[in-house]
């Protein structure tokens, strides 16, 4: 996975479901495989107090949430 985005769902729920599905799929085939999402590091709804550190408002519109997305792994 590399820089996944879902502009149609800024809440990030659709992207989170996809990340989880793909990560579990890869781990089912190869449990020792390193899985990385490859996000830019934008903060999202899971850490509203950190949104101010995003480089611009666009970062909040692509459905990514660095903290939430990496908790699936």
C-alpha atoms as a PDB file:
ATOM      1  CA  UNK A   1       0.000   0.000   0.000  1.00  0.00           C
ATOM      2  CA  UNK A   2       1.362   3.415  -0.794  1.00  0.00           C
ATOM      3  CA  UNK A   3      -0.369   6.673   0.018  1.00  0.00           C
ATOM      4  CA  UNK A   4      -3.939   5.342  -0.150  1.00  0.00           C
ATOM      5  CA  UNK A   5      -6.663   7.988  -0.216  1.00  0.00           C
ATOM      6  CA  UNK A   6     -10.423   8.151  -0.414  1.00  0.00           C
ATOM      7  CA  UNK A   7     -11.513  11.667  -1.326  1.00  0.00           C
ATOM      8  CA  UNK A   8     -15.170  10.627  -1.375  1.00  0.00           C
ATOM      9  CA  UNK A   9     -15.135   9.848   2.379  1.00  0.00           C
ATOM     10  CA  UNK A  10     -13.230  12.435   4.453  1.00  0.00           C
ATOM     11  CA  UNK A  11     -14.269  10.614   7.662  1.00  0.00           C
ATOM     12  CA  UNK A  12     -11.725   7.935   6.790  1.00  0.00           C
ATOM     13  CA  UNK A  13     -14.066   5.030   7.523  1.00  0.00           C
ATOM     14  CA  UNK A  14     -13.975   3.653   3.983  1.00  0.00           C
ATOM     15  CA  UNK A  15     -10.200   3.884   3.813  1.00  0.00           C
ATOM     16  CA  UNK A  16      -9.808   2.328   7.260  1.00  0.00           C
ATOM     17  CA  UNK A  17     -11.960  -0.640   6.243  1.00  0.00           C
ATOM     18  CA  UNK A  18      -9.899  -1.112   3.082  1.00  0.00           C
ATOM     19  CA  UNK A  19      -6.580  -0.898   4.954  1.00  0.00           C
ATOM     20  CA  UNK A  20      -7.773  -3.460   7.475  1.00  0.00           C
ATOM     21  CA  UNK A  21      -9.038  -5.801   4.754  1.00  0.00           C
ATOM     22  CA  UNK A  22      -5.798  -5.620   2.756  1.00  0.00           C
ATOM     23  CA  UNK A  23      -3.538  -5.968   5.809  1.00  0.00           C
ATOM     24  CA  UNK A  24      -5.408  -9.041   7.041  1.00  0.00           C
ATOM     25  CA  UNK A  25      -5.358 -10.530   3.533  1.00  0.00           C
ATOM     26  CA  UNK A  26      -1.575 -10.182   3.252  1.00  0.00           C
ATOM     27  CA  UNK A  27      -1.010 -11.483   6.794  1.00  0.00           C
ATOM     28  CA  UNK A  28      -3.236 -14.490   6.106  1.00  0.00           C
ATOM     29  CA  UNK A  29      -1.055 -15.455   3.161  1.00  0.00           C
ATOM     30  CA  UNK A  30       2.243 -14.629   4.887  1.00  0.00           C
ATOM     31  CA  UNK A  31       2.009 -13.973   8.658  1.00  0.00           C
ATOM     32  CA  UNK A  32       5.612 -12.724   8.810  1.00  0.00           C
ATOM     33  CA  UNK A  33       5.269 -10.301   5.897  1.00  0.00           C
ATOM     34  CA  UNK A  34       6.026  -6.670   6.719  1.00  0.00           C
ATOM     35  CA  UNK A  35       2.987  -4.545   5.881  1.00  0.00           C
ATOM     36  CA  UNK A  36       3.303  -0.771   5.628  1.00  0.00           C
ATOM     37  CA  UNK A  37       0.613   1.684   4.648  1.00  0.00           C
ATOM     38  CA  UNK A  38       2.899   4.418   3.344  1.00  0.00           C
ATOM     39  CA  UNK A  39       0.947   7.447   4.504  1.00  0.00           C
ATOM     40  CA  UNK A  40       2.243  11.008   4.429  1.00  0.00           C
ATOM     41  CA  UNK A  41       1.565  11.356   8.138  1.00  0.00           C
ATOM     42  CA  UNK A  42      -1.529  13.567   8.123  1.00  0.00           C
ATOM     43  CA  UNK A  43      -3.477  13.755  11.348  1.00  0.00           C
ATOM     44  CA  UNK A  44      -7.182  12.997  11.177  1.00  0.00           C
ATOM     45  CA  UNK A  45     -10.340  12.803  13.286  1.00  0.00           C
ATOM     46  CA  UNK A  46      -8.801  10.417  15.848  1.00  0.00           C
ATOM     47  CA  UNK A  47      -6.515  13.224  17.052  1.00  0.00           C
ATOM     48  CA  UNK A  48      -8.422  16.506  16.607  1.00  0.00           C
ATOM     49  CA  UNK A  49      -5.974  18.349  18.860  1.00  0.00           C
ATOM     50  CA  UNK A  50      -3.234  17.696  16.265  1.00  0.00           C
ATOM     51  CA  UNK A  51      -5.083  18.791  13.121  1.00  0.00           C
ATOM     52  CA  UNK A  52      -3.379  22.173  13.372  1.00  0.00           C
ATOM     53  CA  UNK A  53      -0.056  20.485  12.581  1.00  0.00           C
ATOM     54  CA  UNK A  54      -1.191  19.259   9.154  1.00  0.00           C
ATOM     55  CA  UNK A  55       0.493  21.185   6.332  1.00  0.00           C
ATOM     56  CA  UNK A  56      -2.840  22.430   4.938  1.00  0.00           C
ATOM     57  CA  UNK A  57      -6.600  21.817   5.065  1.00  0.00           C
ATOM     58  CA  UNK A  58      -6.365  19.422   2.106  1.00  0.00           C
ATOM     59  CA  UNK A  59      -4.784  16.886   4.474  1.00  0.00           C
ATOM     60  CA  UNK A  60      -8.112  16.549   6.294  1.00  0.00           C
ATOM     61  CA  UNK A  61     -10.087  15.873   3.097  1.00  0.00           C
ATOM     62  CA  UNK A  62      -8.396  12.711   1.776  1.00  0.00           C
ATOM     63  CA  UNK A  63      -9.661  10.271   4.399  1.00  0.00           C
ATOM     64  CA  UNK A  64      -6.264   9.496   5.903  1.00  0.00           C
ATOM     65  CA  UNK A  65      -5.550   9.442   9.615  1.00  0.00           C
ATOM     66  CA  UNK A  66      -1.956   8.470  10.399  1.00  0.00           C
ATOM     67  CA  UNK A  67      -2.629   7.349  13.974  1.00  0.00           C
ATOM     68  CA  UNK A  68      -5.866   5.443  13.312  1.00  0.00           C
ATOM     69  CA  UNK A  69      -4.652   3.832  10.091  1.00  0.00           C
ATOM     70  CA  UNK A  70      -1.520   2.419  11.727  1.00  0.00           C
ATOM     71  CA  UNK A  71      -3.358   0.933  14.707  1.00  0.00           C
ATOM     72  CA  UNK A  72      -4.751  -1.824  12.474  1.00  0.00           C
ATOM     73  CA  UNK A  73      -1.260  -3.247  12.051  1.00  0.00           C
END
